[in-house]
Every structure is written in C-alpha cells, then in structure tokens.
Amino acid sequence: MIVIVVVGAIVVAAGILLGVRRRAVARPEPEPNFIVLESNSPAISESGSLRESIGIGIHEGGFAKLLERGSEQPAETSFTFSTSEDNQDQITLRFYRGNSPEVANNTFLGEGRITGYPIAPAEEPLVRVFVRAAEGNLSLAALDDLSGKPVQLTKTKDARARTLH
C-alpha cells in the first residue's frame, strides 16, 4: 500500500497515479449531495471534454490528477482518504485544475473540509470523495466509505482564497 500525506490526511492507495485509488464509480444509494467547486468551468471545453486535469495538491507540492485532461462529460471518479493522526476530526483537501505535475503551476479552485466521520485512530476512518465534471460544472461529494453514509463536505475557500459561509 502506498500512502501519501495530504494536508493532515492520507490517500489510501493501490499503487498507481501518485497513490490515488481510482474506482469504477458505483452509484451509492442514496446519491451523495454534490457541492459545486467551480461553476461554468473553463477547464471544460464547448465540446464537453476536459481541457485541463482536475486534482489535489499532495505532499511536497505535487499534483495528483483525479480527472484526466481529455475526459468527456459527464466524467466522475472517486478516491478514498483517511486520517493521518489519532482522533482527527477533519480532513482538508486543496483542489486544482491544470496539467503540470506541480500545484504551483496549476489553478487553485478551492479548499474542501471533510467532517462528520467517526473519530478513531489514524488510518481507520475511510472517507470516499467523488469528483464530477458535468453540465459545465466541477462538483464534489463525500461518504463514509465503511457505512455508506454521507459526511459533511464544506467548501471553505474559493479560488480567491476567501472564506465561504
């Protein structure tokens, strides 16, 4: 298992794509509530394909691609995170769009805070995060991977680094 530290979280991985576990996205019941990360995204071309990859910032300034450039709408993927410390009550992820392997060369989209999962020792909580490109929007949702129940995913900063309420 490969583990990559992401702002107080770890990506639980099967060994490819910088440690991000990709899954065929099975539609959970009920479907999780998606929040819009970027509406009318310039990353989505008029033909519906992604001009830029969508991903997260990882340890040491790297960029882990979650939705690849060239993907056609609707595109969706999921990945699983866990905590990096005992009794951690939130996971923070920073989302970007771009094609560089370094986040510094990509466009910051916003920060997402995940809460509401069971508090436990490090690496025990598993949170499944969904990333979707559809109808011109980039959206996110999150579930407790063990129970299938929704967890709270809040967009805390937008691309201009303002706090959203």
N, C-alpha and C. Protein backbone atom coordinates (compact mmCIF):
# COMPACT_ATOMS: atom_id res chain seq x y z
N MET A 1 0.84 -1.17 0.00
CA MET A 1 0.00 0.00 0.00
C MET A 1 0.88 1.23 0.00
N ILE A 2 0.56 2.20 -0.85
CA ILE A 2 1.26 3.48 -0.88
C ILE A 2 0.41 4.48 -0.11
N VAL A 3 1.06 5.31 0.68
CA VAL A 3 0.35 6.33 1.45
C VAL A 3 1.00 7.67 1.15
N ILE A 4 0.19 8.66 0.82
CA ILE A 4 0.68 10.00 0.54
C ILE A 4 0.00 10.97 1.49
N VAL A 5 0.76 11.82 2.15
CA VAL A 5 0.20 12.78 3.08
C VAL A 5 -0.37 13.96 2.31
N VAL A 6 -1.60 14.35 2.64
CA VAL A 6 -2.29 15.46 2.00
C VAL A 6 -2.90 16.33 3.09
N VAL A 7 -2.28 17.44 3.48
CA VAL A 7 -2.80 18.40 4.46
C VAL A 7 -3.54 17.69 5.59
N GLY A 8 -2.83 16.93 6.41
CA GLY A 8 -3.45 16.28 7.55
C GLY A 8 -4.27 15.06 7.20
N ALA A 9 -4.11 14.53 6.01
CA ALA A 9 -4.84 13.34 5.59
C ALA A 9 -3.89 12.44 4.84
N ILE A 10 -4.31 11.22 4.62
CA ILE A 10 -3.53 10.34 3.76
C ILE A 10 -4.45 9.80 2.68
N VAL A 11 -3.87 9.60 1.51
CA VAL A 11 -4.60 8.95 0.44
C VAL A 11 -4.29 7.47 0.58
N VAL A 12 -5.32 6.66 0.69
CA VAL A 12 -5.15 5.21 0.79
C VAL A 12 -5.12 4.70 -0.64
N ALA A 13 -4.02 4.01 -1.02
CA ALA A 13 -3.84 3.77 -2.44
C ALA A 13 -3.43 2.36 -2.79
N ALA A 14 -3.66 2.03 -4.05
CA ALA A 14 -3.33 0.73 -4.59
C ALA A 14 -2.05 0.74 -5.41
N GLY A 15 -1.38 1.89 -5.53
CA GLY A 15 -0.07 1.89 -6.12
C GLY A 15 0.14 2.61 -7.42
N ILE A 16 -0.90 3.21 -8.01
CA ILE A 16 -0.68 3.94 -9.26
C ILE A 16 -1.21 5.36 -9.11
N LEU A 17 -0.90 6.20 -10.08
CA LEU A 17 -1.36 7.58 -10.12
C LEU A 17 -1.04 8.33 -8.84
N LEU A 18 0.23 8.37 -8.47
CA LEU A 18 0.68 9.08 -7.27
C LEU A 18 -0.08 8.67 -6.03
N GLY A 19 -0.50 7.41 -5.96
CA GLY A 19 -1.15 6.93 -4.76
C GLY A 19 -2.63 7.17 -4.67
N VAL A 20 -3.27 7.66 -5.70
CA VAL A 20 -4.72 7.87 -5.65
C VAL A 20 -5.41 6.61 -6.12
N ARG A 21 -6.32 6.09 -5.30
CA ARG A 21 -7.07 4.90 -5.65
C ARG A 21 -8.22 5.30 -6.56
N ARG A 22 -8.24 4.76 -7.77
CA ARG A 22 -9.32 5.02 -8.70
C ARG A 22 -10.27 3.84 -8.64
N ARG A 23 -11.54 4.13 -8.72
CA ARG A 23 -12.55 3.08 -8.70
C ARG A 23 -13.54 3.34 -9.82
N ALA A 24 -14.14 2.26 -10.31
CA ALA A 24 -15.31 2.45 -11.14
C ALA A 24 -16.36 3.00 -10.18
N VAL A 25 -17.01 4.05 -10.55
CA VAL A 25 -17.92 4.71 -9.63
C VAL A 25 -19.26 4.01 -9.65
N ALA A 26 -19.56 3.30 -8.56
CA ALA A 26 -20.87 2.70 -8.39
C ALA A 26 -21.75 3.75 -7.74
N ARG A 27 -22.95 3.89 -8.23
CA ARG A 27 -23.85 4.91 -7.71
C ARG A 27 -24.35 4.49 -6.33
N PRO A 28 -23.90 5.18 -5.25
CA PRO A 28 -24.38 4.84 -3.92
C PRO A 28 -25.85 5.21 -3.77
N GLU A 29 -26.52 4.54 -2.88
CA GLU A 29 -27.93 4.84 -2.59
C GLU A 29 -28.05 5.34 -1.18
N PRO A 30 -28.61 6.49 -0.89
CA PRO A 30 -28.95 7.48 -1.91
C PRO A 30 -27.69 8.17 -2.41
N GLU A 31 -27.81 8.83 -3.56
CA GLU A 31 -26.66 9.54 -4.12
C GLU A 31 -26.21 10.64 -3.15
N PRO A 32 -24.90 10.81 -2.98
CA PRO A 32 -24.41 11.86 -2.08
C PRO A 32 -24.77 13.25 -2.62
N ASN A 33 -24.83 14.22 -1.73
CA ASN A 33 -25.08 15.60 -2.12
C ASN A 33 -23.80 16.21 -2.66
N PHE A 34 -23.84 16.68 -3.89
CA PHE A 34 -22.67 17.29 -4.50
C PHE A 34 -22.69 18.80 -4.26
N ILE A 35 -21.51 19.37 -4.01
CA ILE A 35 -21.35 20.82 -3.93
C ILE A 35 -20.53 21.25 -5.13
N VAL A 36 -20.80 22.43 -5.64
CA VAL A 36 -20.10 22.93 -6.82
C VAL A 36 -18.76 23.52 -6.40
N LEU A 37 -17.70 23.01 -6.99
CA LEU A 37 -16.36 23.52 -6.75
C LEU A 37 -16.08 24.69 -7.70
N GLU A 38 -16.48 24.54 -8.97
CA GLU A 38 -16.30 25.61 -9.95
C GLU A 38 -17.44 25.52 -10.96
N SER A 39 -18.27 26.56 -11.02
CA SER A 39 -19.36 26.57 -11.99
C SER A 39 -18.87 27.15 -13.31
N ASN A 40 -19.47 26.70 -14.41
CA ASN A 40 -19.07 27.13 -15.75
C ASN A 40 -17.56 27.09 -15.90
N SER A 41 -16.99 25.97 -15.56
CA SER A 41 -15.54 25.82 -15.50
C SER A 41 -14.87 26.01 -16.86
N PRO A 42 -13.84 26.86 -16.92
CA PRO A 42 -13.07 26.99 -18.16
C PRO A 42 -12.26 25.72 -18.47
N ALA A 43 -12.20 24.80 -17.53
CA ALA A 43 -11.49 23.53 -17.78
C ALA A 43 -12.30 22.63 -18.70
N ILE A 44 -13.59 22.94 -18.89
CA ILE A 44 -14.46 22.11 -19.73
C ILE A 44 -14.69 22.83 -21.06
N SER A 45 -14.32 22.17 -22.15
CA SER A 45 -14.45 22.77 -23.47
C SER A 45 -15.91 22.78 -23.91
N GLU A 46 -16.20 23.54 -24.99
CA GLU A 46 -17.56 23.58 -25.53
C GLU A 46 -18.01 22.22 -26.01
N SER A 47 -17.06 21.38 -26.43
CA SER A 47 -17.42 20.03 -26.89
C SER A 47 -17.65 19.08 -25.71
N GLY A 48 -17.32 19.53 -24.49
CA GLY A 48 -17.60 18.72 -23.30
C GLY A 48 -16.42 17.95 -22.76
N SER A 49 -15.25 18.07 -23.36
CA SER A 49 -14.09 17.36 -22.82
C SER A 49 -13.30 18.29 -21.89
N LEU A 50 -12.53 17.68 -21.00
CA LEU A 50 -11.72 18.48 -20.08
C LEU A 50 -10.47 18.99 -20.79
N ARG A 51 -10.26 20.29 -20.75
CA ARG A 51 -9.05 20.91 -21.29
C ARG A 51 -7.87 20.73 -20.35
N GLU A 52 -8.21 20.64 -19.05
CA GLU A 52 -7.19 20.52 -18.01
C GLU A 52 -7.58 19.38 -17.08
N SER A 53 -6.61 18.78 -16.44
CA SER A 53 -6.88 17.77 -15.43
C SER A 53 -7.37 18.44 -14.16
N ILE A 54 -8.13 17.71 -13.36
CA ILE A 54 -8.62 18.17 -12.07
C ILE A 54 -7.95 17.28 -11.03
N GLY A 55 -7.42 17.89 -9.97
CA GLY A 55 -6.72 17.07 -8.98
C GLY A 55 -6.56 17.78 -7.66
N ILE A 56 -5.73 17.20 -6.82
CA ILE A 56 -5.47 17.73 -5.48
C ILE A 56 -3.98 17.97 -5.30
N GLY A 57 -3.68 18.91 -4.42
CA GLY A 57 -2.30 19.14 -4.03
C GLY A 57 -1.87 18.06 -3.06
N ILE A 58 -0.69 17.52 -3.25
CA ILE A 58 -0.17 16.48 -2.37
C ILE A 58 1.16 16.93 -1.77
N HIS A 59 1.70 16.11 -0.91
CA HIS A 59 2.94 16.39 -0.19
C HIS A 59 4.03 16.90 -1.12
N GLU A 60 4.78 17.88 -0.64
CA GLU A 60 5.92 18.47 -1.33
C GLU A 60 5.56 19.13 -2.66
N GLY A 61 4.34 19.70 -2.76
CA GLY A 61 3.96 20.49 -3.92
C GLY A 61 3.55 19.73 -5.16
N GLY A 62 3.31 18.44 -5.02
CA GLY A 62 2.90 17.65 -6.17
C GLY A 62 1.42 17.81 -6.49
N PHE A 63 1.01 17.32 -7.64
CA PHE A 63 -0.35 17.40 -8.14
C PHE A 63 -0.80 16.00 -8.52
N ALA A 64 -1.81 15.48 -7.82
CA ALA A 64 -2.37 14.15 -8.14
C ALA A 64 -3.62 14.35 -8.99
N LYS A 65 -3.57 13.91 -10.24
CA LYS A 65 -4.70 14.06 -11.16
C LYS A 65 -5.80 13.06 -10.79
N LEU A 66 -7.02 13.60 -10.68
CA LEU A 66 -8.17 12.76 -10.35
C LEU A 66 -9.06 12.56 -11.57
N LEU A 67 -9.30 13.63 -12.32
CA LEU A 67 -9.98 13.55 -13.62
C LEU A 67 -8.96 14.02 -14.65
N GLU A 68 -8.69 13.18 -15.63
CA GLU A 68 -7.64 13.46 -16.61
C GLU A 68 -8.10 14.39 -17.72
N ARG A 69 -7.17 15.20 -18.20
CA ARG A 69 -7.39 16.02 -19.39
C ARG A 69 -7.88 15.11 -20.51
N GLY A 70 -8.88 15.58 -21.27
CA GLY A 70 -9.43 14.79 -22.38
C GLY A 70 -10.64 13.97 -21.99
N SER A 71 -10.92 13.82 -20.70
CA SER A 71 -12.11 13.08 -20.26
C SER A 71 -13.35 13.79 -20.78
N GLU A 72 -14.34 13.01 -21.21
CA GLU A 72 -15.59 13.56 -21.73
C GLU A 72 -16.62 13.66 -20.61
N GLN A 73 -17.46 14.73 -20.68
CA GLN A 73 -18.56 14.88 -19.72
C GLN A 73 -19.66 13.89 -20.07
N PRO A 74 -20.40 13.38 -19.11
CA PRO A 74 -20.10 13.52 -17.69
C PRO A 74 -18.95 12.59 -17.31
N ALA A 75 -18.05 13.10 -16.50
CA ALA A 75 -16.92 12.32 -16.01
C ALA A 75 -16.98 12.31 -14.49
N GLU A 76 -16.71 11.18 -13.90
CA GLU A 76 -16.74 11.09 -12.44
C GLU A 76 -15.75 10.03 -11.98
N THR A 77 -15.13 10.30 -10.85
CA THR A 77 -14.23 9.34 -10.23
C THR A 77 -14.37 9.47 -8.73
N SER A 78 -13.85 8.50 -8.01
CA SER A 78 -13.84 8.60 -6.55
C SER A 78 -12.49 8.13 -6.04
N PHE A 79 -12.16 8.56 -4.84
CA PHE A 79 -10.92 8.16 -4.20
C PHE A 79 -11.16 8.14 -2.71
N THR A 80 -10.31 7.42 -1.98
CA THR A 80 -10.51 7.21 -0.55
C THR A 80 -9.39 7.86 0.24
N PHE A 81 -9.79 8.60 1.27
CA PHE A 81 -8.86 9.25 2.19
C PHE A 81 -9.05 8.68 3.58
N SER A 82 -8.02 8.84 4.40
CA SER A 82 -8.11 8.54 5.81
C SER A 82 -7.35 9.60 6.57
N THR A 83 -7.42 9.51 7.88
CA THR A 83 -6.72 10.49 8.72
C THR A 83 -5.26 10.10 8.90
N SER A 84 -4.42 11.10 9.20
CA SER A 84 -3.00 10.83 9.42
C SER A 84 -2.64 10.88 10.90
N GLU A 85 -3.60 11.31 11.75
CA GLU A 85 -3.36 11.40 13.19
C GLU A 85 -4.52 10.77 13.94
N ASP A 86 -4.25 10.28 15.16
CA ASP A 86 -5.31 9.75 16.01
C ASP A 86 -6.32 10.83 16.35
N ASN A 87 -7.60 10.46 16.40
CA ASN A 87 -8.71 11.34 16.82
C ASN A 87 -8.83 12.62 16.00
N GLN A 88 -8.41 12.58 14.77
CA GLN A 88 -8.51 13.74 13.88
C GLN A 88 -9.97 13.95 13.48
N ASP A 89 -10.47 15.18 13.63
CA ASP A 89 -11.89 15.42 13.38
C ASP A 89 -12.19 16.07 12.03
N GLN A 90 -11.17 16.33 11.20
CA GLN A 90 -11.41 16.87 9.87
C GLN A 90 -10.26 16.54 8.93
N ILE A 91 -10.59 16.52 7.65
CA ILE A 91 -9.61 16.33 6.59
C ILE A 91 -9.77 17.52 5.65
N THR A 92 -8.67 18.16 5.28
CA THR A 92 -8.72 19.31 4.38
C THR A 92 -8.01 18.95 3.07
N LEU A 93 -8.69 19.21 1.95
CA LEU A 93 -8.15 18.94 0.62
C LEU A 93 -8.12 20.23 -0.17
N ARG A 94 -7.07 20.42 -0.96
CA ARG A 94 -6.95 21.60 -1.83
C ARG A 94 -7.03 21.12 -3.27
N PHE A 95 -8.02 21.65 -4.01
CA PHE A 95 -8.30 21.22 -5.37
C PHE A 95 -7.74 22.23 -6.38
N TYR A 96 -7.24 21.68 -7.50
CA TYR A 96 -6.61 22.48 -8.56
C TYR A 96 -7.06 21.95 -9.92
N ARG A 97 -6.89 22.79 -10.95
CA ARG A 97 -7.02 22.33 -12.33
C ARG A 97 -5.76 22.75 -13.07
N GLY A 98 -5.29 21.89 -13.96
CA GLY A 98 -4.09 22.18 -14.72
C GLY A 98 -3.45 20.91 -15.22
N ASN A 99 -2.33 21.07 -15.89
CA ASN A 99 -1.66 19.92 -16.48
C ASN A 99 -0.22 19.74 -16.01
N SER A 100 0.22 20.59 -15.11
CA SER A 100 1.58 20.49 -14.58
C SER A 100 1.62 19.49 -13.43
N PRO A 101 2.72 18.77 -13.26
CA PRO A 101 2.85 17.87 -12.11
C PRO A 101 3.05 18.61 -10.78
N GLU A 102 3.22 19.94 -10.85
CA GLU A 102 3.42 20.75 -9.65
C GLU A 102 2.23 21.69 -9.44
N VAL A 103 1.66 21.72 -8.23
CA VAL A 103 0.50 22.57 -7.97
C VAL A 103 0.80 24.04 -8.19
N ALA A 104 2.02 24.48 -7.97
CA ALA A 104 2.36 25.90 -8.14
C ALA A 104 2.09 26.39 -9.55
N ASN A 105 2.08 25.49 -10.53
CA ASN A 105 1.85 25.86 -11.93
C ASN A 105 0.41 25.63 -12.37
N ASN A 106 -0.48 25.24 -11.45
CA ASN A 106 -1.88 24.97 -11.76
C ASN A 106 -2.77 26.01 -11.09
N THR A 107 -4.05 26.02 -11.42
CA THR A 107 -5.01 26.99 -10.90
C THR A 107 -5.70 26.43 -9.66
N PHE A 108 -5.61 27.16 -8.56
CA PHE A 108 -6.28 26.78 -7.31
C PHE A 108 -7.78 26.99 -7.47
N LEU A 109 -8.56 25.94 -7.19
CA LEU A 109 -10.02 26.02 -7.31
C LEU A 109 -10.70 26.25 -5.97
N GLY A 110 -10.13 25.71 -4.93
CA GLY A 110 -10.75 25.85 -3.62
C GLY A 110 -10.29 24.77 -2.68
N GLU A 111 -10.70 24.95 -1.45
CA GLU A 111 -10.34 24.03 -0.38
C GLU A 111 -11.61 23.40 0.14
N GLY A 112 -11.56 22.10 0.39
CA GLY A 112 -12.71 21.40 0.94
C GLY A 112 -12.38 20.82 2.30
N ARG A 113 -13.30 20.98 3.25
CA ARG A 113 -13.11 20.42 4.59
C ARG A 113 -14.13 19.30 4.78
N ILE A 114 -13.63 18.13 5.18
CA ILE A 114 -14.48 16.96 5.41
C ILE A 114 -14.59 16.73 6.92
N THR A 115 -15.81 16.66 7.42
CA THR A 115 -16.08 16.39 8.84
C THR A 115 -17.25 15.41 8.93
N GLY A 116 -17.54 14.94 10.15
CA GLY A 116 -18.72 14.10 10.36
C GLY A 116 -18.48 12.62 10.19
N TYR A 117 -17.25 12.19 10.08
CA TYR A 117 -16.93 10.76 10.03
C TYR A 117 -16.59 10.31 11.46
N PRO A 118 -16.63 9.01 11.74
CA PRO A 118 -16.32 8.55 13.09
C PRO A 118 -14.87 8.88 13.49
N ILE A 119 -14.70 9.46 14.67
CA ILE A 119 -13.37 9.77 15.18
C ILE A 119 -12.74 8.46 15.65
N ALA A 120 -11.51 8.21 15.23
CA ALA A 120 -10.85 6.93 15.51
C ALA A 120 -9.34 7.11 15.40
N PRO A 121 -8.58 6.05 15.69
CA PRO A 121 -7.13 6.12 15.49
C PRO A 121 -6.79 6.41 14.02
N ALA A 122 -5.58 6.92 13.82
CA ALA A 122 -5.11 7.25 12.47
C ALA A 122 -5.31 6.08 11.52
N GLU A 123 -5.68 6.41 10.30
CA GLU A 123 -5.86 5.48 9.19
C GLU A 123 -7.09 4.59 9.31
N GLU A 124 -7.89 4.71 10.38
CA GLU A 124 -9.09 3.88 10.48
C GLU A 124 -10.30 4.48 9.77
N PRO A 125 -10.59 5.78 9.94
CA PRO A 125 -11.74 6.31 9.19
C PRO A 125 -11.41 6.29 7.70
N LEU A 126 -12.36 5.89 6.88
CA LEU A 126 -12.19 5.91 5.43
C LEU A 126 -13.28 6.79 4.85
N VAL A 127 -12.88 7.83 4.13
CA VAL A 127 -13.83 8.77 3.53
C VAL A 127 -13.66 8.70 2.02
N ARG A 128 -14.74 8.41 1.32
CA ARG A 128 -14.73 8.32 -0.14
C ARG A 128 -15.20 9.66 -0.70
N VAL A 129 -14.35 10.28 -1.52
CA VAL A 129 -14.65 11.58 -2.12
C VAL A 129 -14.90 11.36 -3.62
N PHE A 130 -15.99 11.96 -4.11
CA PHE A 130 -16.36 11.89 -5.52
C PHE A 130 -16.05 13.23 -6.17
N VAL A 131 -15.48 13.19 -7.38
CA VAL A 131 -15.23 14.38 -8.18
C VAL A 131 -15.96 14.18 -9.49
N ARG A 132 -16.75 15.19 -9.88
CA ARG A 132 -17.59 15.07 -11.07
C ARG A 132 -17.43 16.30 -11.96
N ALA A 133 -17.36 16.07 -13.27
CA ALA A 133 -17.43 17.14 -14.26
C ALA A 133 -18.67 16.85 -15.09
N ALA A 134 -19.69 17.72 -14.96
CA ALA A 134 -20.94 17.52 -15.69
C ALA A 134 -21.65 18.85 -15.85
N GLU A 135 -22.29 19.03 -16.98
CA GLU A 135 -23.07 20.23 -17.27
C GLU A 135 -22.26 21.52 -17.07
N GLY A 136 -20.96 21.45 -17.37
CA GLY A 136 -20.10 22.62 -17.27
C GLY A 136 -19.55 22.90 -15.88
N ASN A 137 -19.94 22.11 -14.89
CA ASN A 137 -19.52 22.34 -13.50
C ASN A 137 -18.59 21.26 -13.00
N LEU A 138 -17.71 21.65 -12.07
CA LEU A 138 -16.88 20.69 -11.33
C LEU A 138 -17.48 20.60 -9.94
N SER A 139 -17.81 19.39 -9.49
CA SER A 139 -18.50 19.21 -8.21
C SER A 139 -17.86 18.11 -7.38
N LEU A 140 -18.14 18.16 -6.06
CA LEU A 140 -17.58 17.22 -5.08
C LEU A 140 -18.66 16.68 -4.17
N ALA A 141 -18.45 15.46 -3.66
CA ALA A 141 -19.30 14.88 -2.62
C ALA A 141 -18.44 13.93 -1.81
N ALA A 142 -18.91 13.55 -0.59
CA ALA A 142 -18.14 12.65 0.26
C ALA A 142 -19.06 11.73 1.06
N LEU A 143 -18.60 10.48 1.28
CA LEU A 143 -19.31 9.48 2.07
C LEU A 143 -18.34 8.79 3.01
N ASP A 144 -18.86 8.31 4.14
CA ASP A 144 -18.11 7.40 5.00
C ASP A 144 -18.02 6.10 4.21
N ASP A 145 -16.83 5.67 3.85
CA ASP A 145 -16.66 4.51 2.97
C ASP A 145 -17.09 3.21 3.63
N LEU A 146 -17.06 3.14 4.95
CA LEU A 146 -17.44 1.91 5.63
C LEU A 146 -18.95 1.76 5.77
N SER A 147 -19.65 2.85 6.12
CA SER A 147 -21.10 2.77 6.33
C SER A 147 -21.90 3.19 5.10
N GLY A 148 -21.28 3.94 4.19
CA GLY A 148 -22.00 4.46 3.04
C GLY A 148 -22.82 5.70 3.35
N LYS A 149 -22.73 6.20 4.58
CA LYS A 149 -23.50 7.38 4.98
C LYS A 149 -22.76 8.65 4.58
N PRO A 150 -23.52 9.71 4.24
CA PRO A 150 -22.87 10.98 3.89
C PRO A 150 -22.08 11.56 5.06
N VAL A 151 -21.00 12.24 4.74
CA VAL A 151 -20.25 13.04 5.71
C VAL A 151 -20.31 14.48 5.22
N GLN A 152 -19.97 15.41 6.07
CA GLN A 152 -20.04 16.82 5.70
C GLN A 152 -18.83 17.22 4.86
N LEU A 153 -19.07 17.79 3.70
CA LEU A 153 -18.02 18.34 2.84
C LEU A 153 -18.37 19.80 2.61
N THR A 154 -17.49 20.69 3.08
CA THR A 154 -17.74 22.12 3.00
C THR A 154 -16.63 22.78 2.20
N LYS A 155 -17.01 23.62 1.25
CA LYS A 155 -16.03 24.40 0.51
C LYS A 155 -15.68 25.59 1.40
N THR A 156 -14.43 25.62 1.87
CA THR A 156 -14.04 26.65 2.84
C THR A 156 -13.33 27.83 2.22
N LYS A 157 -12.73 27.65 1.07
CA LYS A 157 -12.04 28.75 0.37
C LYS A 157 -12.29 28.60 -1.10
N ASP A 158 -12.53 29.72 -1.76
CA ASP A 158 -12.67 29.69 -3.21
C ASP A 158 -11.34 30.04 -3.85
N ALA A 159 -11.35 30.20 -5.15
CA ALA A 159 -10.11 30.43 -5.89
C ALA A 159 -9.42 31.75 -5.50
N ARG A 160 -10.16 32.67 -4.89
CA ARG A 160 -9.55 33.92 -4.43
C ARG A 160 -9.20 33.83 -2.96
N ALA A 161 -9.27 32.63 -2.39
CA ALA A 161 -8.89 32.34 -1.00
C ALA A 161 -9.74 33.12 0.02
N ARG A 162 -11.02 33.36 -0.32
CA ARG A 162 -11.96 33.95 0.65
C ARG A 162 -12.62 32.81 1.40
N THR A 163 -12.98 33.04 2.64
CA THR A 163 -13.74 32.06 3.38
C THR A 163 -15.18 32.14 2.95
N LEU A 164 -15.79 31.00 2.65
CA LEU A 164 -17.19 30.95 2.28
C LEU A 164 -18.02 30.55 3.49
N HIS A 165 -19.20 31.12 3.61
CA HIS A 165 -20.08 30.81 4.75
C HIS A 165 -21.27 30.03 4.29
